[in-house]
Every structure is written in C-alpha cells, then in structure tokens.
C-alpha atoms as a PDB file:
ATOM      1  CA  MET A   1      67.653 -41.017   2.782  1.00  0.00           C
ATOM      2  CA  LYS A   2      70.125 -40.277   0.017  1.00  0.00           C
ATOM      3  CA  GLU A   3      69.189 -40.268  -3.680  1.00  0.00           C
ATOM      4  CA  ILE A   4      71.346 -42.563  -5.793  1.00  0.00           C
ATOM      5  CA  TYR A   5      71.554 -43.768  -9.351  1.00  0.00           C
ATOM      6  CA  LEU A   6      72.911 -47.183 -10.279  1.00  0.00           C
ATOM      7  CA  SER A   7      73.552 -48.836 -13.607  1.00  0.00           C
ATOM      8  CA  LEU A   8      73.000 -52.568 -14.043  1.00  0.00           C
ATOM      9  CA  GLY A   9      74.535 -54.654 -16.799  1.00  0.00           C
ATOM     10  CA  SER A  10      74.959 -58.271 -17.773  1.00  0.00           C
ATOM     11  CA  ASN A  11      76.389 -60.093 -20.795  1.00  0.00           C
ATOM     12  CA  LYS A  12      77.015 -63.559 -19.420  1.00  0.00           C
ATOM     13  CA  GLY A  13      74.583 -66.269 -18.391  1.00  0.00           C
ATOM     14  CA  ASP A  14      70.863 -65.554 -18.209  1.00  0.00           C
ATOM     15  CA  ARG A  15      71.266 -61.785 -18.643  1.00  0.00           C
ATOM     16  CA  LEU A  16      67.641 -60.864 -18.055  1.00  0.00           C
ATOM     17  CA  LYS A  17      67.361 -63.046 -14.968  1.00  0.00           C
ATOM     18  CA  ASN A  18      70.616 -61.556 -13.622  1.00  0.00           C
ATOM     19  CA  ILE A  19      69.309 -57.977 -14.036  1.00  0.00           C
ATOM     20  CA  LEU A  20      65.841 -58.638 -12.624  1.00  0.00           C
ATOM     21  CA  PHE A  21      66.939 -60.724  -9.664  1.00  0.00           C
ATOM     22  CA  SER A  22      69.623 -58.207  -8.771  1.00  0.00           C
ATOM     23  CA  ILE A  23      66.850 -55.625  -8.309  1.00  0.00           C
ATOM     24  CA  TYR A  24      65.337 -57.882  -5.617  1.00  0.00           C
ATOM     25  CA  GLU A  25      68.753 -58.009  -3.916  1.00  0.00           C
ATOM     26  CA  LEU A  26      69.177 -54.237  -4.133  1.00  0.00           C
ATOM     27  CA  ARG A  27      65.820 -53.685  -2.430  1.00  0.00           C
ATOM     28  CA  ARG A  28      67.308 -54.911   0.852  1.00  0.00           C
ATOM     29  CA  PHE A  29      68.937 -51.464   1.207  1.00  0.00           C
ATOM     30  CA  LEU A  30      67.476 -49.451  -1.660  1.00  0.00           C
ATOM     31  CA  LYS A  31      64.013 -47.942  -1.989  1.00  0.00           C
ATOM     32  CA  VAL A  32      63.637 -48.087  -5.774  1.00  0.00           C
ATOM     33  CA  SER A  33      61.751 -45.100  -7.154  1.00  0.00           C
ATOM     34  CA  SER A  34      62.374 -45.442 -10.960  1.00  0.00           C
ATOM     35  CA  LEU A  35      63.501 -48.140 -13.349  1.00  0.00           C
ATOM     36  CA  SER A  36      64.534 -47.455 -16.923  1.00  0.00           C
ATOM     37  CA  SER A  37      63.726 -49.748 -19.787  1.00  0.00           C
ATOM     38  CA  ILE A  38      66.159 -52.557 -20.474  1.00  0.00           C
ATOM     39  CA  TYR A  39      68.444 -51.968 -23.403  1.00  0.00           C
ATOM     40  CA  LEU A  40      70.498 -54.271 -25.617  1.00  0.00           C
ATOM     41  CA  THR A  41      73.929 -52.720 -26.073  1.00  0.00           C
ATOM     42  CA  GLU A  42      77.299 -53.427 -27.654  1.00  0.00           C
ATOM     43  CA  PRO A  43      80.162 -54.435 -25.384  1.00  0.00           C
ATOM     44  CA  TRP A  44      82.242 -51.404 -24.436  1.00  0.00           C
ATOM     45  CA  GLY A  45      85.996 -51.082 -23.971  1.00  0.00           C
ATOM     46  CA  GLY A  46      86.799 -54.388 -25.666  1.00  0.00           C
ATOM     47  CA  ALA A  47      84.610 -56.483 -23.374  1.00  0.00           C
ATOM     48  CA  GLU A  48      84.242 -60.074 -24.535  1.00  0.00           C
ATOM     49  CA  GLY A  49      81.102 -62.073 -24.957  1.00  0.00           C
ATOM     50  CA  CYS A  50      77.649 -61.356 -26.234  1.00  0.00           C
ATOM     51  CA  LYS A  51      75.799 -58.040 -26.122  1.00  0.00           C
ATOM     52  CA  PHE A  52      74.885 -56.539 -22.785  1.00  0.00           C
ATOM     53  CA  LEU A  53      71.543 -55.898 -21.227  1.00  0.00           C
ATOM     54  CA  ASN A  54      71.681 -52.567 -19.395  1.00  0.00           C
ATOM     55  CA  MET A  55      69.370 -50.415 -17.335  1.00  0.00           C
ATOM     56  CA  VAL A  56      69.493 -47.542 -14.777  1.00  0.00           C
ATOM     57  CA  ILE A  57      67.782 -47.392 -11.379  1.00  0.00           C
ATOM     58  CA  ARG A  58      66.997 -44.373  -9.282  1.00  0.00           C
ATOM     59  CA  GLY A  59      66.500 -44.995  -5.578  1.00  0.00           C
ATOM     60  CA  PHE A  60      67.054 -43.926  -2.031  1.00  0.00           C
ATOM     61  CA  THR A  61      69.286 -45.479   0.641  1.00  0.00           C
ATOM     62  CA  ASN A  62      70.429 -44.904   4.189  1.00  0.00           C
ATOM     63  CA  LEU A  63      73.812 -46.455   3.431  1.00  0.00           C
ATOM     64  CA  ALA A  64      76.962 -44.295   3.243  1.00  0.00           C
ATOM     65  CA  PRO A  65      78.923 -44.534  -0.055  1.00  0.00           C
ATOM     66  CA  TYR A  66      81.428 -47.178   1.122  1.00  0.00           C
ATOM     67  CA  GLU A  67      78.665 -49.270   2.715  1.00  0.00           C
ATOM     68  CA  LEU A  68      76.725 -49.051  -0.549  1.00  0.00           C
ATOM     69  CA  LEU A  69      79.767 -50.187  -2.518  1.00  0.00           C
ATOM     70  CA  ARG A  70      80.302 -53.102  -0.122  1.00  0.00           C
ATOM     71  CA  GLU A  71      76.707 -54.277  -0.492  1.00  0.00           C
ATOM     72  CA  ILE A  72      76.818 -53.959  -4.273  1.00  0.00           C
ATOM     73  CA  ASN A  73      80.049 -55.978  -4.389  1.00  0.00           C
ATOM     74  CA  LEU A  74      78.389 -58.709  -2.268  1.00  0.00           C
ATOM     75  CA  ILE A  75      75.476 -58.897  -4.714  1.00  0.00           C
ATOM     76  CA  GLU A  76      77.855 -59.097  -7.695  1.00  0.00           C
ATOM     77  CA  LYS A  77      79.732 -61.912  -5.872  1.00  0.00           C
ATOM     78  CA  ARG A  78      76.470 -63.817  -5.279  1.00  0.00           C
ATOM     79  CA  PHE A  79      75.889 -63.606  -9.048  1.00  0.00           C
ATOM     80  CA  LYS A  80      79.397 -65.093  -9.588  1.00  0.00           C
ATOM     81  CA  ARG A  81      80.928 -61.844 -10.935  1.00  0.00           C
ATOM     82  CA  GLU A  82      84.620 -62.384 -11.723  1.00  0.00           C
ATOM     83  CA  ARG A  83      87.169 -59.580 -11.697  1.00  0.00           C
ATOM     84  CA  LYS A  84      90.232 -61.039 -13.408  1.00  0.00           C
ATOM     85  CA  PHE A  85      90.767 -58.212 -15.840  1.00  0.00           C
ATOM     86  CA  LYS A  86      89.091 -54.999 -16.942  1.00  0.00           C
ATOM     87  CA  TYR A  87      86.189 -55.111 -19.418  1.00  0.00           C
ATOM     88  CA  GLN A  88      85.633 -58.844 -19.291  1.00  0.00           C
ATOM     89  CA  ALA A  89      82.287 -60.607 -19.739  1.00  0.00           C
ATOM     90  CA  ARG A  90      80.227 -60.399 -16.538  1.00  0.00           C
ATOM     91  CA  THR A  91      77.149 -61.984 -15.110  1.00  0.00           C
ATOM     92  CA  LEU A  92      76.365 -58.749 -13.285  1.00  0.00           C
ATOM     93  CA  ASP A  93      77.886 -55.328 -13.166  1.00  0.00           C
ATOM     94  CA  ILE A  94      76.436 -52.679 -10.821  1.00  0.00           C
ATOM     95  CA  ASP A  95      77.938 -49.232 -10.901  1.00  0.00           C
ATOM     96  CA  ILE A  96      77.227 -46.296  -8.615  1.00  0.00           C
ATOM     97  CA  LEU A  97      76.607 -43.430 -11.034  1.00  0.00           C
ATOM     98  CA  PHE A  98      75.613 -40.739  -8.545  1.00  0.00           C
ATOM     99  CA  TYR A  99      75.176 -40.430  -4.800  1.00  0.00           C
ATOM    100  CA  GLU A 100      73.248 -37.213  -4.282  1.00  0.00           C
ATOM    101  CA  LYS A 101      75.541 -34.540  -5.730  1.00  0.00           C
ATOM    102  CA  LEU A 102      78.586 -35.985  -3.999  1.00  0.00           C
ATOM    103  CA  ILE A 103      81.955 -35.664  -5.729  1.00  0.00           C
ATOM    104  CA  MET A 104      84.623 -38.013  -4.359  1.00  0.00           C
ATOM    105  CA  LYS A 105      87.703 -39.673  -5.829  1.00  0.00           C
ATOM    106  CA  ASN A 106      90.058 -42.163  -4.253  1.00  0.00           C
ATOM    107  CA  GLU A 107      91.404 -45.649  -5.036  1.00  0.00           C
ATOM    108  CA  ALA A 108      88.332 -47.439  -3.692  1.00  0.00           C
ATOM    109  CA  LEU A 109      85.509 -45.301  -5.068  1.00  0.00           C
ATOM    110  CA  ILE A 110      84.930 -42.520  -7.592  1.00  0.00           C
ATOM    111  CA  ILE A 111      81.570 -40.689  -7.559  1.00  0.00           C
ATOM    112  CA  PRO A 112      80.143 -39.663  -9.992  1.00  0.00           C
ATOM    113  CA  HIS A 113      81.174 -42.622 -12.121  1.00  0.00           C
ATOM    114  CA  PRO A 114      84.121 -41.224 -14.145  1.00  0.00           C
ATOM    115  CA  LEU A 115      83.058 -42.523 -17.591  1.00  0.00           C
ATOM    116  CA  LEU A 116      79.260 -42.353 -17.487  1.00  0.00           C
ATOM    117  CA  HIS A 117      79.155 -39.190 -19.663  1.00  0.00           C
ATOM    118  CA  LYS A 118      80.867 -41.167 -22.484  1.00  0.00           C
ATOM    119  CA  ARG A 119      78.668 -44.262 -22.357  1.00  0.00           C
ATOM    120  CA  ASN A 120      75.456 -44.387 -24.316  1.00  0.00           C
ATOM    121  CA  PHE A 121      74.515 -47.635 -22.544  1.00  0.00           C
ATOM    122  CA  VAL A 122      74.254 -45.549 -19.376  1.00  0.00           C
ATOM    123  CA  LEU A 123      73.147 -42.156 -20.772  1.00  0.00           C
ATOM    124  CA  VAL A 124      70.203 -43.426 -22.815  1.00  0.00           C
ATOM    125  CA  PRO A 125      68.487 -45.374 -19.999  1.00  0.00           C
ATOM    126  CA  PHE A 126      69.393 -42.640 -17.483  1.00  0.00           C
ATOM    127  CA  SER A 127      67.831 -39.935 -19.651  1.00  0.00           C
ATOM    128  CA  GLU A 128      64.658 -41.995 -19.796  1.00  0.00           C
ATOM    129  CA  ILE A 129      64.127 -41.628 -16.045  1.00  0.00           C
ATOM    130  CA  SER A 130      65.917 -38.337 -15.195  1.00  0.00           C
ATOM    131  CA  PRO A 131      66.805 -36.399 -18.374  1.00  0.00           C
ATOM    132  CA  ASP A 132      67.245 -33.103 -16.523  1.00  0.00           C
ATOM    133  CA  PHE A 133      69.555 -34.427 -13.779  1.00  0.00           C
ATOM    134  CA  VAL A 134      72.590 -32.170 -13.748  1.00  0.00           C
ATOM    135  CA  HIS A 135      76.016 -33.826 -13.589  1.00  0.00           C
ATOM    136  CA  PRO A 136      77.760 -32.127 -10.618  1.00  0.00           C
ATOM    137  CA  VAL A 137      81.215 -32.149 -12.275  1.00  0.00           C
ATOM    138  CA  PHE A 138      80.270 -30.934 -15.754  1.00  0.00           C
ATOM    139  CA  ASN A 139      77.194 -28.907 -14.747  1.00  0.00           C
ATOM    140  CA  LYS A 140      75.408 -30.364 -17.726  1.00  0.00           C
ATOM    141  CA  LYS A 141      72.075 -32.242 -18.017  1.00  0.00           C
ATOM    142  CA  ILE A 142      72.246 -35.978 -18.656  1.00  0.00           C
ATOM    143  CA  LYS A 143      70.181 -35.645 -21.846  1.00  0.00           C
ATOM    144  CA  ASP A 144      72.663 -33.132 -23.213  1.00  0.00           C
ATOM    145  CA  PHE A 145      75.484 -35.662 -23.225  1.00  0.00           C
ATOM    146  CA  ILE A 146      73.701 -37.844 -25.793  1.00  0.00           C
ATOM    147  CA  GLU A 147      74.828 -37.120 -29.310  1.00  0.00           C
ATOM    148  CA  ASN A 148      73.209 -40.225 -30.845  1.00  0.00           C
ATOM    149  CA  LYS A 149      71.729 -43.527 -29.660  1.00  0.00           C
ATOM    150  CA  ASN A 150      73.983 -45.760 -31.713  1.00  0.00           C
ATOM    151  CA  GLY A 151      74.516 -49.221 -30.271  1.00  0.00           C
ATOM    152  CA  VAL A 152      71.614 -48.889 -27.816  1.00  0.00           C
ATOM    153  CA  LYS A 153      68.318 -50.599 -28.516  1.00  0.00           C
ATOM    154  CA  LYS A 154      65.341 -50.724 -26.137  1.00  0.00           C
ATOM    155  CA  ILE A 155      64.142 -54.296 -25.807  1.00  0.00           C
ATOM    156  CA  ILE A 156      61.884 -54.186 -22.725  1.00  0.00           C
ATOM    157  CA  ASP A 157      59.905 -51.050 -22.025  1.00  0.00           C
ATOM    158  CA  ARG A 158      60.031 -49.828 -18.448  1.00  0.00           C
ATOM    159  CA  LYS A 159      56.245 -50.095 -18.155  1.00  0.00           C
ATOM    160  CA  ALA A 160      56.539 -53.868 -18.740  1.00  0.00           C
ATOM    161  CA  ILE A 161      59.008 -54.412 -15.881  1.00  0.00           C
ATOM    162  CA  ARG A 162      57.310 -55.669 -12.776  1.00  0.00           C
ATOM    163  CA  VAL A 163      59.440 -56.381  -9.739  1.00  0.00           C
ATOM    164  CA  LYS A 164      57.341 -57.421  -6.773  1.00  0.00           C
ATOM    165  CA  GLU A 165      58.034 -55.989  -3.326  1.00  0.00           C
END
C-alpha cells in the first residue's frame, strides 16, 4: 500500500457534514491512519463564500495516482462540487498533497500539490499529524514552512473526531 496525504475543505452548504461524510467515502479505497483537527480558515486566492473548514488525512491506498484522482473527483461530484472557475466556493475540495515521495507534473495531475507549502490551511493541520514529513521537492520539513498561524483556527480537536468504520 502507498502512503498518501489528502487535504479536505468545504465552504459551501453544511461544511462539517461535507467533510465528515467525505471521509466515509474515502474509506472505500483509503485506509485512514491519521486525521488532523478541523480548522476554520479564510478563503484563499479570492475564493467566494464563507470561511472554509479544512483538515488533512494520512492514509494508505492500493490505487495508482490517476486512479486515486478519478475516485476523488467522483466523490467531489457526489457532493455537487462545481468547477466553473478557479477559487470558487465549493461544497467539497479534496486535494492530493503527497503520494509517497512521488514527484510528477503534467496537465492532469501534479504531485506534490504545487501550492501546499504556501497555504497555512494545509500546513497547520498537516503539521499536526506529520510535522517531520519532508517535502520531496524542497527537502524541508512541513513544520518548517509555517511562519505563523494567521487565518487558521482550530475548531474541532482531532481527538473529538469519530468516524465509524
């Protein structure tokens, strides 16, 4: 099985329900090993709508990268994710952050996620579950990318998140 990290975000509809129920969906092909806390974060990149709920998941899968992307896109579609323009409000956004230490870049998929090192809404929850994970492009620990925690507020501690098998 391959170790992967995913970020989950929602700023449209029942944000908490969207995040938690998507974890159930992900478990069809992902053995979840760690969940971060859930954070309230400011929209990034000019995204519209209310604040986001964000979290990071560490897990293991037998799916290849493109199969993983396909399954994630199907989950987002079930949650009525729209892709009319970049940085719009979304019911659910699932990003592949890392797939093992794989580095790949093409029109369909970029791994590691190209902007994760600039996004506190990813770095803060990620550092909660794997602070010493080394980014394979920058050769730098996740925790070392965080300069401050501005715009990121923990609202549900990871110990309180219970997702039944």
